[in-house]
Amino acid sequence: MNDTDRRQRIHDLDVTVWVGKNGIGAVVEELNDQIAERDLVKVKFLRAARGGTTTEDLAADLAAEVNASVVETRGHTAVLER
C-alpha cells in the first residue's frame, strides 16, 4: 500500500474507541479485540482523559498496553496498528 492510499484509509476511518475519565485501562480489552479484527483503529482521547497529558503520550501508553504501534496522532485522535 502506498503512502497516499494509507493516508486516505486513515482519513476515512471512524473513531471506534473513546478514552474518557476512566483512562486507558478501561479500553484496553476493547481495543485488543478491535485491533485483532482490523489493521488500523482510530482512538479519540476526550478532555477528561487528557488532564495534563498530551495525546502523543496517552497514545504511546495505550499502544504499549495492547502491543501496537502509533501510526499518527492529530489533535486529540490517534491511529494505532498491530
Protein backbone atom coordinates (compact mmCIF):
# COMPACT_ATOMS: atom_id res chain seq x y z
CA MET A 1 0.00 0.00 0.00
CA ASN A 2 1.47 3.33 -0.98
CA ASP A 3 1.56 6.35 1.33
CA THR A 4 -1.35 8.11 -0.40
CA ASP A 5 -3.61 5.06 -0.07
CA ARG A 6 -2.64 4.65 3.58
CA ARG A 7 -3.37 8.31 4.37
CA GLN A 8 -6.77 8.01 2.67
CA ARG A 9 -7.61 4.89 4.70
CA ILE A 10 -6.62 6.69 7.90
CA HIS A 11 -8.69 9.72 6.94
CA ASP A 12 -11.73 7.56 6.17
CA LEU A 13 -11.53 5.63 9.47
CA ASP A 14 -14.22 6.31 12.04
CA VAL A 15 -13.30 6.64 15.70
CA THR A 16 -14.26 3.33 17.33
CA VAL A 17 -12.58 3.70 20.75
CA TRP A 18 -13.10 6.67 23.09
CA VAL A 19 -10.88 7.16 26.13
CA GLY A 20 -12.65 9.13 28.85
CA LYS A 21 -12.41 9.81 32.56
CA ASN A 22 -11.72 6.15 33.39
CA GLY A 23 -8.45 6.31 31.43
CA ILE A 24 -6.75 3.93 29.05
CA GLY A 25 -7.17 0.92 31.34
CA ALA A 26 -10.90 0.99 30.70
CA VAL A 27 -10.49 0.47 26.92
CA VAL A 28 -7.59 -1.98 26.70
CA GLU A 29 -9.77 -5.08 26.26
CA GLU A 30 -12.00 -3.44 23.65
CA LEU A 31 -9.00 -2.11 21.73
CA ASN A 32 -7.36 -5.54 21.81
CA ASP A 33 -10.50 -7.04 20.26
CA GLN A 34 -10.74 -4.36 17.59
CA ILE A 35 -7.08 -4.37 16.65
CA ALA A 36 -7.22 -8.17 16.23
CA GLU A 37 -10.05 -7.78 13.70
CA ARG A 38 -8.70 -4.87 11.65
CA ASP A 39 -5.26 -3.49 10.97
CA LEU A 40 -5.97 0.16 11.93
CA VAL A 41 -8.02 1.54 14.83
CA LYS A 42 -8.76 5.21 15.47
CA VAL A 43 -8.89 6.31 19.13
CA LYS A 44 -10.23 9.61 20.49
CA PHE A 45 -8.92 10.96 23.81
CA LEU A 46 -11.65 13.00 25.48
CA ARG A 47 -10.83 16.01 27.67
CA ALA A 48 -11.47 14.02 30.88
CA ALA A 49 -8.77 11.51 29.89
CA ARG A 50 -6.15 14.04 28.90
CA GLY A 51 -5.77 16.04 32.09
CA GLY A 52 -2.24 17.42 31.87
CA THR A 53 -1.02 14.72 29.47
CA THR A 54 -0.50 15.05 25.73
CA THR A 55 -2.35 12.96 23.18
CA GLU A 56 1.01 11.63 21.99
CA ASP A 57 1.90 10.36 25.48
CA LEU A 58 -1.52 8.79 26.01
CA ALA A 59 -1.40 7.13 22.59
CA ALA A 60 2.08 5.72 23.30
CA ASP A 61 0.92 4.38 26.68
CA LEU A 62 -2.18 2.79 25.15
CA ALA A 63 -0.19 1.29 22.27
CA ALA A 64 2.21 -0.28 24.76
CA GLU A 65 -0.73 -1.82 26.67
CA VAL A 66 -2.02 -3.61 23.53
CA ASN A 67 1.32 -4.33 21.85
CA ALA A 68 0.59 -1.95 18.97
CA SER A 69 2.27 0.99 17.25
CA VAL A 70 1.10 4.56 16.93
CA VAL A 71 0.71 5.36 13.22
CA GLU A 72 -0.15 9.03 13.76
CA THR A 73 -1.71 11.49 16.15
CA ARG A 74 -3.70 14.50 15.08
CA GLY A 75 -5.46 16.78 17.52
CA HIS A 76 -6.88 14.52 20.22
CA THR A 77 -7.08 11.46 17.98
CA ALA A 78 -4.58 8.66 17.36
CA VAL A 79 -4.41 5.79 14.91
CA LEU A 80 -2.92 2.52 16.13
CA GLU A 81 -1.88 -0.63 14.28
CA ARG A 82 -0.57 -4.00 15.26
